[in-house]
Amino acid sequence: MSSLKRFQNLIRFIGSDGLIHYGDAIIPSSASSASAATEAFLVKGNPFTTPLCVTSTRAQILKLLSPIAPSDVGTLRCLGLNYRQHANELSLPFPEFPVLFFKPTTTLAGPTDPLIVPRIAQRRDKYSEREEGAPAEVDYEVELVIVIGPKPVRDVPVEKALDYVLGYTVGNDYSQRTWQSARGGGQWSLGKMYDGWAPIGPAIVAADIVGDPQALHVSTTVNGTTVQDGSTGDMIFSVAQAVSFLSQGSTLMPGDLIFTGTPSGVGAGRTPRLWLKHGDEVTVSLSKVGSVTNTIIYESAESGTPKL
């Protein structure tokens, strides 16, 4: 069993044997992302805890999962207000330092999983129930996601920060604006904490394959209509600056994820506002990486979730 030097498109998938594997997606020449792959070279061991070994053994892909298992992610850090045009659309000043919040690893989901809106997230404002048939304040946020590796890093200067980036993927930082703002108590995580509300994929693309992380196109469509269309060049804090800042006095471990903020065009910044309804299809895309597509599913009242 010979090994290859490095991965290009690291995926996690269910194989024809019914087991979950890590692999390096074999992308057809006519395609541009791992979403089109039907086979992968198996990865020996765990790519985030042991030296990466991509083998020559092929395996069939039945279903793509989140490209990193939640159990392999130590922390899921997120930056807010990190695009100039996004801050402008919300009439907020540019932050002096990166705005940091966290999402639990249970928010991770795969690139085609449904987005479940739980009963607690089905709110219209601070006080009232959601009107029958009206959408709750559920919003989309396309984001470039940094994957730390292959070694831990602490106190790294900006000029060396990219040496500790294993690769990149694309994610959607789904947000419930009522719980983020009116009910949030001054912090954002209550509106971003729900199971499956950080889908990523379809692959972790190696950093050297992606190249300059500040020269990528990011976009979102809702039911086929483009609602976000931006460039990572609009970031207030670059990928290197973000990794450097977040490593000051705090060790970043292999497998840690950093969501780097979203461009303009979010539903909360539109007139009229655009909230996601039951049945909507949302696709977020990042050039050189691929797309994540989720169907919005409002959880039914029969679930028994308490009203708060």
C-alpha atoms as a PDB file:
ATOM      1  CA  MET A   1       0.000   0.000   0.000  1.00  0.00           C
ATOM      2  CA  SER A   2       1.932   3.024  -1.229  1.00  0.00           C
ATOM      3  CA  SER A   3       1.330   6.503   0.125  1.00  0.00           C
ATOM      4  CA  LEU A   4       1.014   9.861  -1.563  1.00  0.00           C
ATOM      5  CA  LYS A   5       2.883  12.924  -0.379  1.00  0.00           C
ATOM      6  CA  ARG A   6      -0.078  15.088   0.691  1.00  0.00           C
ATOM      7  CA  PHE A   7      -3.816  15.460   0.422  1.00  0.00           C
ATOM      8  CA  GLN A   8      -5.503  17.928  -1.899  1.00  0.00           C
ATOM      9  CA  ASN A   9      -9.208  17.611  -1.042  1.00  0.00           C
ATOM     10  CA  LEU A  10      -9.678  15.986   2.356  1.00  0.00           C
ATOM     11  CA  ILE A  11     -13.173  14.575   2.832  1.00  0.00           C
ATOM     12  CA  ARG A  12     -15.044  12.488   5.370  1.00  0.00           C
ATOM     13  CA  PHE A  13     -17.599  10.111   3.952  1.00  0.00           C
ATOM     14  CA  ILE A  14     -19.690   6.982   4.283  1.00  0.00           C
ATOM     15  CA  GLY A  15     -18.210   4.277   2.079  1.00  0.00           C
ATOM     16  CA  SER A  16     -19.793   1.293   0.366  1.00  0.00           C
ATOM     17  CA  ASP A  17     -18.838  -0.773   3.423  1.00  0.00           C
ATOM     18  CA  GLY A  18     -21.169   1.371   5.547  1.00  0.00           C
ATOM     19  CA  LEU A  19     -18.256   2.782   7.567  1.00  0.00           C
ATOM     20  CA  ILE A  20     -17.083   6.374   7.961  1.00  0.00           C
ATOM     21  CA  HIS A  21     -13.697   7.179   6.440  1.00  0.00           C
ATOM     22  CA  TYR A  22     -11.369  10.092   5.822  1.00  0.00           C
ATOM     23  CA  GLY A  23     -10.124  10.278   2.253  1.00  0.00           C
ATOM     24  CA  ASP A  24      -8.629  12.430  -0.488  1.00  0.00           C
ATOM     25  CA  ALA A  25     -11.411  13.024  -3.022  1.00  0.00           C
ATOM     26  CA  ILE A  26     -10.743  11.939  -6.606  1.00  0.00           C
ATOM     27  CA  ILE A  27     -12.326  14.824  -8.510  1.00  0.00           C
ATOM     28  CA  PRO A  28     -13.266  14.202 -12.169  1.00  0.00           C
ATOM     29  CA  SER A  29     -11.452  16.394 -14.677  1.00  0.00           C
ATOM     30  CA  SER A  30     -14.797  17.877 -15.728  1.00  0.00           C
ATOM     31  CA  ALA A  31     -15.600  19.022 -12.165  1.00  0.00           C
ATOM     32  CA  SER A  32     -14.154  21.631  -9.824  1.00  0.00           C
ATOM     33  CA  SER A  33     -14.967  20.395  -6.304  1.00  0.00           C
ATOM     34  CA  ALA A  34     -15.241  17.292  -4.149  1.00  0.00           C
ATOM     35  CA  SER A  35     -19.039  17.359  -4.441  1.00  0.00           C
ATOM     36  CA  ALA A  36     -18.674  15.605  -7.803  1.00  0.00           C
ATOM     37  CA  ALA A  37     -16.351  12.879  -6.525  1.00  0.00           C
ATOM     38  CA  THR A  38     -17.586   9.283  -6.425  1.00  0.00           C
ATOM     39  CA  GLU A  39     -14.313   7.809  -5.152  1.00  0.00           C
ATOM     40  CA  ALA A  40     -11.514   8.774  -2.784  1.00  0.00           C
ATOM     41  CA  PHE A  41      -8.063   7.581  -1.791  1.00  0.00           C
ATOM     42  CA  LEU A  42      -8.343   6.386   1.799  1.00  0.00           C
ATOM     43  CA  VAL A  43      -6.423   8.239   4.488  1.00  0.00           C
ATOM     44  CA  LYS A  44      -4.639   6.037   6.987  1.00  0.00           C
ATOM     45  CA  GLY A  45      -5.226   7.024  10.609  1.00  0.00           C
ATOM     46  CA  ASN A  46      -6.686  10.289  11.835  1.00  0.00           C
ATOM     47  CA  PRO A  47      -5.365  13.288   9.874  1.00  0.00           C
ATOM     48  CA  PHE A  48      -5.666  15.589  12.907  1.00  0.00           C
ATOM     49  CA  THR A  49      -3.975  13.426  15.543  1.00  0.00           C
ATOM     50  CA  THR A  50      -1.417  11.401  13.574  1.00  0.00           C
ATOM     51  CA  PRO A  51       0.868  12.077  10.601  1.00  0.00           C
ATOM     52  CA  LEU A  52      -1.239  12.233   7.454  1.00  0.00           C
ATOM     53  CA  CYS A  53      -0.885   9.252   5.130  1.00  0.00           C
ATOM     54  CA  VAL A  54      -2.941   9.210   1.943  1.00  0.00           C
ATOM     55  CA  THR A  55      -2.907   5.667   0.573  1.00  0.00           C
ATOM     56  CA  SER A  56      -3.405   4.334  -2.947  1.00  0.00           C
ATOM     57  CA  THR A  57      -6.494   2.374  -1.851  1.00  0.00           C
ATOM     58  CA  ARG A  58      -9.686   3.610  -3.501  1.00  0.00           C
ATOM     59  CA  ALA A  59     -13.091   3.630  -1.828  1.00  0.00           C
ATOM     60  CA  GLN A  60     -16.550   4.441  -3.143  1.00  0.00           C
ATOM     61  CA  ILE A  61     -18.299   7.513  -1.706  1.00  0.00           C
ATOM     62  CA  LEU A  62     -21.944   6.981  -0.762  1.00  0.00           C
ATOM     63  CA  LYS A  63     -22.446  10.221   1.188  1.00  0.00           C
ATOM     64  CA  LEU A  64     -20.247  13.193   2.019  1.00  0.00           C
ATOM     65  CA  LEU A  65     -20.178  14.190   5.674  1.00  0.00           C
ATOM     66  CA  SER A  66     -18.681  17.191   7.420  1.00  0.00           C
ATOM     67  CA  PRO A  67     -15.020  16.981   6.297  1.00  0.00           C
ATOM     68  CA  ILE A  68     -13.913  16.903   9.923  1.00  0.00           C
ATOM     69  CA  ALA A  69     -15.630  14.930  12.673  1.00  0.00           C
ATOM     70  CA  PRO A  70     -16.950  17.041  15.583  1.00  0.00           C
ATOM     71  CA  SER A  71     -14.841  14.881  17.906  1.00  0.00           C
ATOM     72  CA  ASP A  72     -11.711  16.014  16.029  1.00  0.00           C
ATOM     73  CA  VAL A  73     -12.505  19.724  16.545  1.00  0.00           C
ATOM     74  CA  GLY A  74     -11.252  21.203  19.802  1.00  0.00           C
ATOM     75  CA  THR A  75     -12.777  24.653  19.364  1.00  0.00           C
ATOM     76  CA  LEU A  76     -14.956  26.343  16.769  1.00  0.00           C
ATOM     77  CA  ARG A  77     -14.062  30.025  16.827  1.00  0.00           C
ATOM     78  CA  CYS A  78     -15.979  32.614  14.812  1.00  0.00           C
ATOM     79  CA  LEU A  79     -15.273  36.213  13.848  1.00  0.00           C
ATOM     80  CA  GLY A  80     -18.046  38.780  13.597  1.00  0.00           C
ATOM     81  CA  LEU A  81     -18.113  41.998  11.568  1.00  0.00           C
ATOM     82  CA  ASN A  82     -15.021  41.042   9.602  1.00  0.00           C
ATOM     83  CA  TYR A  83     -16.041  42.405   6.175  1.00  0.00           C
ATOM     84  CA  ARG A  84     -16.086  46.132   5.530  1.00  0.00           C
ATOM     85  CA  GLN A  85     -19.236  46.104   3.408  1.00  0.00           C
ATOM     86  CA  HIS A  86     -21.051  43.917   5.948  1.00  0.00           C
ATOM     87  CA  ALA A  87     -20.274  46.386   8.748  1.00  0.00           C
ATOM     88  CA  ASN A  88     -21.449  49.192   6.481  1.00  0.00           C
ATOM     89  CA  GLU A  89     -24.786  47.507   5.687  1.00  0.00           C
ATOM     90  CA  LEU A  90     -25.476  47.187   9.427  1.00  0.00           C
ATOM     91  CA  SER A  91     -24.314  50.803  10.055  1.00  0.00           C
ATOM     92  CA  LEU A  92     -21.681  49.595  12.517  1.00  0.00           C
ATOM     93  CA  PRO A  93     -18.102  50.871  12.910  1.00  0.00           C
ATOM     94  CA  PHE A  94     -15.182  48.672  11.917  1.00  0.00           C
ATOM     95  CA  PRO A  95     -13.919  46.805  15.003  1.00  0.00           C
ATOM     96  CA  GLU A  96     -10.500  47.728  16.375  1.00  0.00           C
ATOM     97  CA  PHE A  97      -9.815  44.090  17.241  1.00  0.00           C
ATOM     98  CA  PRO A  98     -11.327  40.855  15.902  1.00  0.00           C
ATOM     99  CA  VAL A  99     -14.801  40.219  17.343  1.00  0.00           C
ATOM    100  CA  LEU A 100     -14.767  36.655  18.684  1.00  0.00           C
ATOM    101  CA  PHE A 101     -17.534  34.244  19.620  1.00  0.00           C
ATOM    102  CA  PHE A 102     -17.790  30.462  19.792  1.00  0.00           C
ATOM    103  CA  LYS A 103     -20.144  27.814  18.463  1.00  0.00           C
ATOM    104  CA  PRO A 104     -20.346  24.324  20.010  1.00  0.00           C
ATOM    105  CA  THR A 105     -18.978  21.486  17.893  1.00  0.00           C
ATOM    106  CA  THR A 106     -22.495  20.009  17.801  1.00  0.00           C
ATOM    107  CA  THR A 107     -23.329  22.754  15.281  1.00  0.00           C
ATOM    108  CA  LEU A 108     -21.181  21.021  12.653  1.00  0.00           C
ATOM    109  CA  ALA A 109     -23.015  19.327   9.783  1.00  0.00           C
ATOM    110  CA  GLY A 110     -22.316  18.052   6.300  1.00  0.00           C
ATOM    111  CA  PRO A 111     -22.514  19.820   2.945  1.00  0.00           C
ATOM    112  CA  THR A 112     -25.972  18.469   2.025  1.00  0.00           C
ATOM    113  CA  ASP A 113     -27.609  17.987   5.432  1.00  0.00           C
ATOM    114  CA  PRO A 114     -30.954  19.700   6.123  1.00  0.00           C
ATOM    115  CA  LEU A 115     -30.904  22.758   8.390  1.00  0.00           C
ATOM    116  CA  ILE A 116     -33.328  22.055  11.229  1.00  0.00           C
ATOM    117  CA  VAL A 117     -34.896  25.128  12.846  1.00  0.00           C
ATOM    118  CA  PRO A 118     -35.833  23.996  16.380  1.00  0.00           C
ATOM    119  CA  ARG A 119     -38.937  25.279  18.117  1.00  0.00           C
ATOM    120  CA  ILE A 120     -36.921  27.620  20.345  1.00  0.00           C
ATOM    121  CA  ALA A 121     -35.521  29.334  17.237  1.00  0.00           C
ATOM    122  CA  GLN A 122     -38.953  29.962  15.714  1.00  0.00           C
ATOM    123  CA  ARG A 123     -39.370  33.505  17.025  1.00  0.00           C
ATOM    124  CA  ARG A 124     -40.301  36.763  15.354  1.00  0.00           C
ATOM    125  CA  ASP A 125     -39.160  39.243  18.013  1.00  0.00           C
ATOM    126  CA  LYS A 126     -38.282  39.534  21.691  1.00  0.00           C
ATOM    127  CA  TYR A 127     -41.777  39.003  23.039  1.00  0.00           C
ATOM    128  CA  SER A 128     -44.136  37.379  20.543  1.00  0.00           C
ATOM    129  CA  GLU A 129     -44.604  33.961  19.035  1.00  0.00           C
ATOM    130  CA  ARG A 130     -43.982  33.500  15.326  1.00  0.00           C
ATOM    131  CA  GLU A 131     -47.030  34.383  13.286  1.00  0.00           C
ATOM    132  CA  GLU A 132     -48.588  31.359  11.627  1.00  0.00           C
ATOM    133  CA  GLY A 133     -46.890  30.811   8.269  1.00  0.00           C
ATOM    134  CA  ALA A 134     -44.367  33.628   8.771  1.00  0.00           C
ATOM    135  CA  PRO A 135     -40.631  32.888   8.865  1.00  0.00           C
ATOM    136  CA  ALA A 136     -38.606  33.328  12.039  1.00  0.00           C
ATOM    137  CA  GLU A 137     -35.519  35.559  12.007  1.00  0.00           C
ATOM    138  CA  VAL A 138     -33.312  32.803  10.586  1.00  0.00           C
ATOM    139  CA  ASP A 139     -30.409  34.139   8.533  1.00  0.00           C
ATOM    140  CA  TYR A 140     -27.540  32.866   6.368  1.00  0.00           C
ATOM    141  CA  GLU A 141     -23.830  33.794   6.464  1.00  0.00           C
ATOM    142  CA  VAL A 142     -21.354  32.395   3.945  1.00  0.00           C
ATOM    143  CA  GLU A 143     -17.868  32.134   5.455  1.00  0.00           C
ATOM    144  CA  LEU A 144     -14.364  31.009   4.592  1.00  0.00           C
ATOM    145  CA  VAL A 145     -13.381  28.531   7.311  1.00  0.00           C
ATOM    146  CA  ILE A 146      -9.765  28.080   8.403  1.00  0.00           C
ATOM    147  CA  VAL A 147      -8.610  24.614   9.504  1.00  0.00           C
ATOM    148  CA  ILE A 148      -5.591  24.719  11.814  1.00  0.00           C
ATOM    149  CA  GLY A 149      -2.772  22.202  11.345  1.00  0.00           C
ATOM    150  CA  PRO A 150      -0.633  20.245  11.093  1.00  0.00           C
ATOM    151  CA  LYS A 151       0.916  21.451  14.380  1.00  0.00           C
ATOM    152  CA  PRO A 152      -0.327  23.421  17.400  1.00  0.00           C
ATOM    153  CA  VAL A 153       0.437  27.124  17.336  1.00  0.00           C
ATOM    154  CA  ARG A 154       0.728  29.817  19.999  1.00  0.00           C
ATOM    155  CA  ASP A 155       1.915  33.430  19.794  1.00  0.00           C
ATOM    156  CA  VAL A 156       2.642  33.223  16.070  1.00  0.00           C
ATOM    157  CA  PRO A 157       3.511  36.472  14.241  1.00  0.00           C
ATOM    158  CA  VAL A 158       1.389  37.492  11.265  1.00  0.00           C
ATOM    159  CA  GLU A 159       4.155  36.768   8.753  1.00  0.00           C
ATOM    160  CA  LYS A 160       4.320  33.099   9.849  1.00  0.00           C
ATOM    161  CA  ALA A 161       0.649  32.491  10.621  1.00  0.00           C
ATOM    162  CA  LEU A 162      -0.251  30.831   7.309  1.00  0.00           C
ATOM    163  CA  ASP A 163       2.339  28.107   8.022  1.00  0.00           C
ATOM    164  CA  TYR A 164      -0.148  26.751  10.567  1.00  0.00           C
ATOM    165  CA  VAL A 165      -3.155  26.612   8.242  1.00  0.00           C
ATOM    166  CA  LEU A 166      -3.810  23.050   7.087  1.00  0.00           C
ATOM    167  CA  GLY A 167      -6.481  24.087   4.617  1.00  0.00           C
ATOM    168  CA  TYR A 168      -9.781  25.823   4.001  1.00  0.00           C
ATOM    169  CA  THR A 169     -13.416  24.891   3.657  1.00  0.00           C
ATOM    170  CA  VAL A 170     -16.662  26.825   3.241  1.00  0.00           C
ATOM    171  CA  GLY A 171     -19.325  27.095   5.907  1.00  0.00           C
ATOM    172  CA  ASN A 172     -22.657  28.705   6.669  1.00  0.00           C
ATOM    173  CA  ASP A 173     -22.875  30.394  10.066  1.00  0.00           C
ATOM    174  CA  TYR A 174     -26.657  30.135  10.337  1.00  0.00           C
ATOM    175  CA  SER A 175     -27.994  32.677  12.814  1.00  0.00           C
ATOM    176  CA  GLN A 176     -31.280  33.328  14.609  1.00  0.00           C
ATOM    177  CA  ARG A 177     -31.303  37.104  14.961  1.00  0.00           C
ATOM    178  CA  THR A 178     -33.899  37.329  17.770  1.00  0.00           C
ATOM    179  CA  TRP A 179     -31.777  35.193  20.086  1.00  0.00           C
ATOM    180  CA  GLN A 180     -28.572  36.787  18.797  1.00  0.00           C
ATOM    181  CA  SER A 181     -29.762  40.326  19.533  1.00  0.00           C
ATOM    182  CA  ALA A 182     -33.007  41.038  21.418  1.00  0.00           C
ATOM    183  CA  ARG A 183     -32.758  37.927  23.590  1.00  0.00           C
ATOM    184  CA  GLY A 184     -28.978  37.540  23.486  1.00  0.00           C
ATOM    185  CA  GLY A 185     -28.026  39.425  26.622  1.00  0.00           C
ATOM    186  CA  GLY A 186     -25.227  41.256  24.846  1.00  0.00           C
ATOM    187  CA  GLN A 187     -23.551  38.221  23.293  1.00  0.00           C
ATOM    188  CA  TRP A 188     -24.285  36.329  20.092  1.00  0.00           C
ATOM    189  CA  SER A 189     -23.926  32.610  20.784  1.00  0.00           C
ATOM    190  CA  LEU A 190     -27.559  32.043  21.807  1.00  0.00           C
ATOM    191  CA  GLY A 191     -28.570  32.757  18.224  1.00  0.00           C
ATOM    192  CA  LYS A 192     -25.933  30.500  16.682  1.00  0.00           C
ATOM    193  CA  MET A 193     -25.722  27.434  18.940  1.00  0.00           C
ATOM    194  CA  TYR A 194     -28.287  25.024  17.483  1.00  0.00           C
ATOM    195  CA  ASP A 195     -27.454  21.517  16.301  1.00  0.00           C
ATOM    196  CA  GLY A 196     -26.303  21.501  12.685  1.00  0.00           C
ATOM    197  CA  TRP A 197     -26.110  25.302  12.357  1.00  0.00           C
ATOM    198  CA  ALA A 198     -22.497  25.288  11.097  1.00  0.00           C
ATOM    199  CA  PRO A 199     -22.496  23.050   8.016  1.00  0.00           C
ATOM    200  CA  ILE A 200     -19.136  22.885   6.229  1.00  0.00           C
ATOM    201  CA  GLY A 201     -17.675  21.152   3.205  1.00  0.00           C
ATOM    202  CA  PRO A 202     -17.545  19.619   0.787  1.00  0.00           C
ATOM    203  CA  ALA A 203     -13.814  19.177   1.512  1.00  0.00           C
ATOM    204  CA  ILE A 204     -10.900  20.701   3.342  1.00  0.00           C
ATOM    205  CA  VAL A 205      -8.780  21.925   0.437  1.00  0.00           C
ATOM    206  CA  ALA A 206      -5.052  22.071   1.145  1.00  0.00           C
ATOM    207  CA  ALA A 207      -3.728  25.565   1.796  1.00  0.00           C
ATOM    208  CA  ASP A 208      -1.180  25.386  -1.017  1.00  0.00           C
ATOM    209  CA  ILE A 209      -3.906  24.378  -3.484  1.00  0.00           C
ATOM    210  CA  VAL A 210      -6.077  27.351  -2.498  1.00  0.00           C
ATOM    211  CA  GLY A 211      -3.214  29.847  -2.601  1.00  0.00           C
ATOM    212  CA  ASP A 212      -3.930  33.410  -1.502  1.00  0.00           C
ATOM    213  CA  PRO A 213      -6.890  33.254   0.929  1.00  0.00           C
ATOM    214  CA  GLN A 214      -7.575  36.961   0.369  1.00  0.00           C
ATOM    215  CA  ALA A 215      -8.317  36.476  -3.339  1.00  0.00           C
ATOM    216  CA  LEU A 216     -11.367  34.205  -3.170  1.00  0.00           C
ATOM    217  CA  HIS A 217     -14.973  34.690  -4.247  1.00  0.00           C
ATOM    218  CA  VAL A 218     -17.702  33.993  -1.663  1.00  0.00           C
ATOM    219  CA  SER A 219     -21.412  33.851  -2.435  1.00  0.00           C
ATOM    220  CA  THR A 220     -24.823  32.712  -1.235  1.00  0.00           C
ATOM    221  CA  THR A 221     -27.979  31.840  -3.120  1.00  0.00           C
ATOM    222  CA  VAL A 222     -31.464  31.331  -1.681  1.00  0.00           C
ATOM    223  CA  ASN A 223     -33.706  29.297  -3.974  1.00  0.00           C
ATOM    224  CA  GLY A 224     -31.317  30.062  -6.832  1.00  0.00           C
ATOM    225  CA  THR A 225     -31.241  33.840  -6.326  1.00  0.00           C
ATOM    226  CA  THR A 226     -27.875  35.374  -5.422  1.00  0.00           C
ATOM    227  CA  VAL A 227     -28.071  37.235  -2.105  1.00  0.00           C
ATOM    228  CA  GLN A 228     -24.374  37.483  -1.163  1.00  0.00           C
ATOM    229  CA  ASP A 229     -21.597  38.115  -3.676  1.00  0.00           C
ATOM    230  CA  GLY A 230     -18.275  39.190  -2.239  1.00  0.00           C
ATOM    231  CA  SER A 231     -14.528  38.746  -2.000  1.00  0.00           C
ATOM    232  CA  THR A 232     -12.331  37.685   0.900  1.00  0.00           C
ATOM    233  CA  GLY A 233     -10.240  40.716  -0.035  1.00  0.00           C
ATOM    234  CA  ASP A 234     -12.880  42.790   1.781  1.00  0.00           C
ATOM    235  CA  MET A 235     -11.943  41.269   5.148  1.00  0.00           C
ATOM    236  CA  ILE A 236     -11.025  43.743   7.874  1.00  0.00           C
ATOM    237  CA  PHE A 237      -8.692  41.185   9.485  1.00  0.00           C
ATOM    238  CA  SER A 238      -6.997  38.846   7.013  1.00  0.00           C
ATOM    239  CA  VAL A 239      -6.626  35.112   7.544  1.00  0.00           C
ATOM    240  CA  ALA A 240      -3.026  35.607   8.682  1.00  0.00           C
ATOM    241  CA  GLN A 241      -4.009  38.415  11.057  1.00  0.00           C
ATOM    242  CA  ALA A 242      -6.866  36.348  12.489  1.00  0.00           C
ATOM    243  CA  VAL A 243      -4.693  33.283  13.140  1.00  0.00           C
ATOM    244  CA  SER A 244      -1.959  35.415  14.682  1.00  0.00           C
ATOM    245  CA  PHE A 245      -4.330  37.362  16.934  1.00  0.00           C
ATOM    246  CA  LEU A 246      -6.271  34.320  18.129  1.00  0.00           C
ATOM    247  CA  SER A 247      -3.026  32.487  18.947  1.00  0.00           C
ATOM    248  CA  GLN A 248      -1.799  35.179  21.329  1.00  0.00           C
ATOM    249  CA  GLY A 249      -1.682  33.473  24.720  1.00  0.00           C
ATOM    250  CA  SER A 250      -4.101  30.796  23.483  1.00  0.00           C
ATOM    251  CA  THR A 251      -2.947  27.635  21.732  1.00  0.00           C
ATOM    252  CA  LEU A 252      -4.677  26.738  18.480  1.00  0.00           C
ATOM    253  CA  MET A 253      -4.748  22.973  18.017  1.00  0.00           C
ATOM    254  CA  PRO A 254      -4.787  20.874  14.835  1.00  0.00           C
ATOM    255  CA  GLY A 255      -8.400  20.519  13.749  1.00  0.00           C
ATOM    256  CA  ASP A 256      -9.542  23.771  15.333  1.00  0.00           C
ATOM    257  CA  LEU A 257     -11.835  25.748  13.038  1.00  0.00           C
ATOM    258  CA  ILE A 258     -12.066  29.512  12.555  1.00  0.00           C
ATOM    259  CA  PHE A 259     -15.082  30.966  10.733  1.00  0.00           C
ATOM    260  CA  THR A 260     -13.801  34.269   9.345  1.00  0.00           C
ATOM    261  CA  GLY A 261     -16.943  36.384   8.981  1.00  0.00           C
ATOM    262  CA  THR A 262     -19.401  37.071   6.190  1.00  0.00           C
ATOM    263  CA  PRO A 263     -19.706  39.646   3.388  1.00  0.00           C
ATOM    264  CA  SER A 264     -22.644  41.983   2.856  1.00  0.00           C
ATOM    265  CA  GLY A 265     -26.056  40.743   1.786  1.00  0.00           C
ATOM    266  CA  VAL A 266     -27.283  38.976   4.919  1.00  0.00           C
ATOM    267  CA  GLY A 267     -31.040  38.890   5.424  1.00  0.00           C
ATOM    268  CA  ALA A 268     -30.849  41.185   8.449  1.00  0.00           C
ATOM    269  CA  GLY A 269     -29.216  43.903   6.354  1.00  0.00           C
ATOM    270  CA  ARG A 270     -31.824  43.918   3.580  1.00  0.00           C
ATOM    271  CA  THR A 271     -34.910  46.071   3.051  1.00  0.00           C
ATOM    272  CA  PRO A 272     -37.272  44.341   3.426  1.00  0.00           C
ATOM    273  CA  ARG A 273     -35.458  41.799   5.549  1.00  0.00           C
ATOM    274  CA  LEU A 274     -35.061  38.323   4.126  1.00  0.00           C
ATOM    275  CA  TRP A 275     -35.639  35.473   6.571  1.00  0.00           C
ATOM    276  CA  LEU A 276     -35.342  31.803   5.680  1.00  0.00           C
ATOM    277  CA  LYS A 277     -38.622  29.901   5.354  1.00  0.00           C
ATOM    278  CA  HIS A 278     -39.452  26.224   5.642  1.00  0.00           C
ATOM    279  CA  GLY A 279     -38.441  24.545   2.382  1.00  0.00           C
ATOM    280  CA  ASP A 280     -35.935  27.188   1.257  1.00  0.00           C
ATOM    281  CA  GLU A 281     -32.729  25.914  -0.337  1.00  0.00           C
ATOM    282  CA  VAL A 282     -29.562  27.790   0.651  1.00  0.00           C
ATOM    283  CA  THR A 283     -26.207  27.351  -1.094  1.00  0.00           C
ATOM    284  CA  VAL A 284     -22.955  28.951   0.071  1.00  0.00           C
ATOM    285  CA  SER A 285     -19.903  28.800  -2.191  1.00  0.00           C
ATOM    286  CA  LEU A 286     -16.186  29.557  -1.979  1.00  0.00           C
ATOM    287  CA  SER A 287     -13.970  29.566  -5.055  1.00  0.00           C
ATOM    288  CA  LYS A 288     -11.381  26.749  -5.195  1.00  0.00           C
ATOM    289  CA  VAL A 289     -13.307  24.884  -2.461  1.00  0.00           C
ATOM    290  CA  GLY A 290     -16.906  24.224  -3.514  1.00  0.00           C
ATOM    291  CA  SER A 291     -20.405  24.599  -2.126  1.00  0.00           C
ATOM    292  CA  VAL A 292     -22.626  23.631   0.797  1.00  0.00           C
ATOM    293  CA  THR A 293     -26.375  23.317   0.166  1.00  0.00           C
ATOM    294  CA  ASN A 294     -28.998  22.943   2.898  1.00  0.00           C
ATOM    295  CA  THR A 295     -32.783  22.720   2.830  1.00  0.00           C
ATOM    296  CA  ILE A 296     -34.460  24.637   5.659  1.00  0.00           C
ATOM    297  CA  ILE A 297     -36.759  22.472   7.787  1.00  0.00           C
ATOM    298  CA  TYR A 298     -38.869  24.022  10.545  1.00  0.00           C
ATOM    299  CA  GLU A 299     -39.236  21.545  13.404  1.00  0.00           C
ATOM    300  CA  SER A 300     -42.872  20.691  14.085  1.00  0.00           C
ATOM    301  CA  ALA A 301     -44.799  21.451  17.273  1.00  0.00           C
ATOM    302  CA  GLU A 302     -45.110  17.716  17.964  1.00  0.00           C
ATOM    303  CA  SER A 303     -41.472  17.669  19.113  1.00  0.00           C
ATOM    304  CA  GLY A 304     -42.498  18.885  22.542  1.00  0.00           C
ATOM    305  CA  THR A 305     -39.788  21.536  22.794  1.00  0.00           C
ATOM    306  CA  PRO A 306     -40.672  23.891  25.676  1.00  0.00           C
ATOM    307  CA  LYS A 307     -41.570  27.512  25.006  1.00  0.00           C
ATOM    308  CA  LEU A 308     -39.113  29.985  26.547  1.00  0.00           C
END
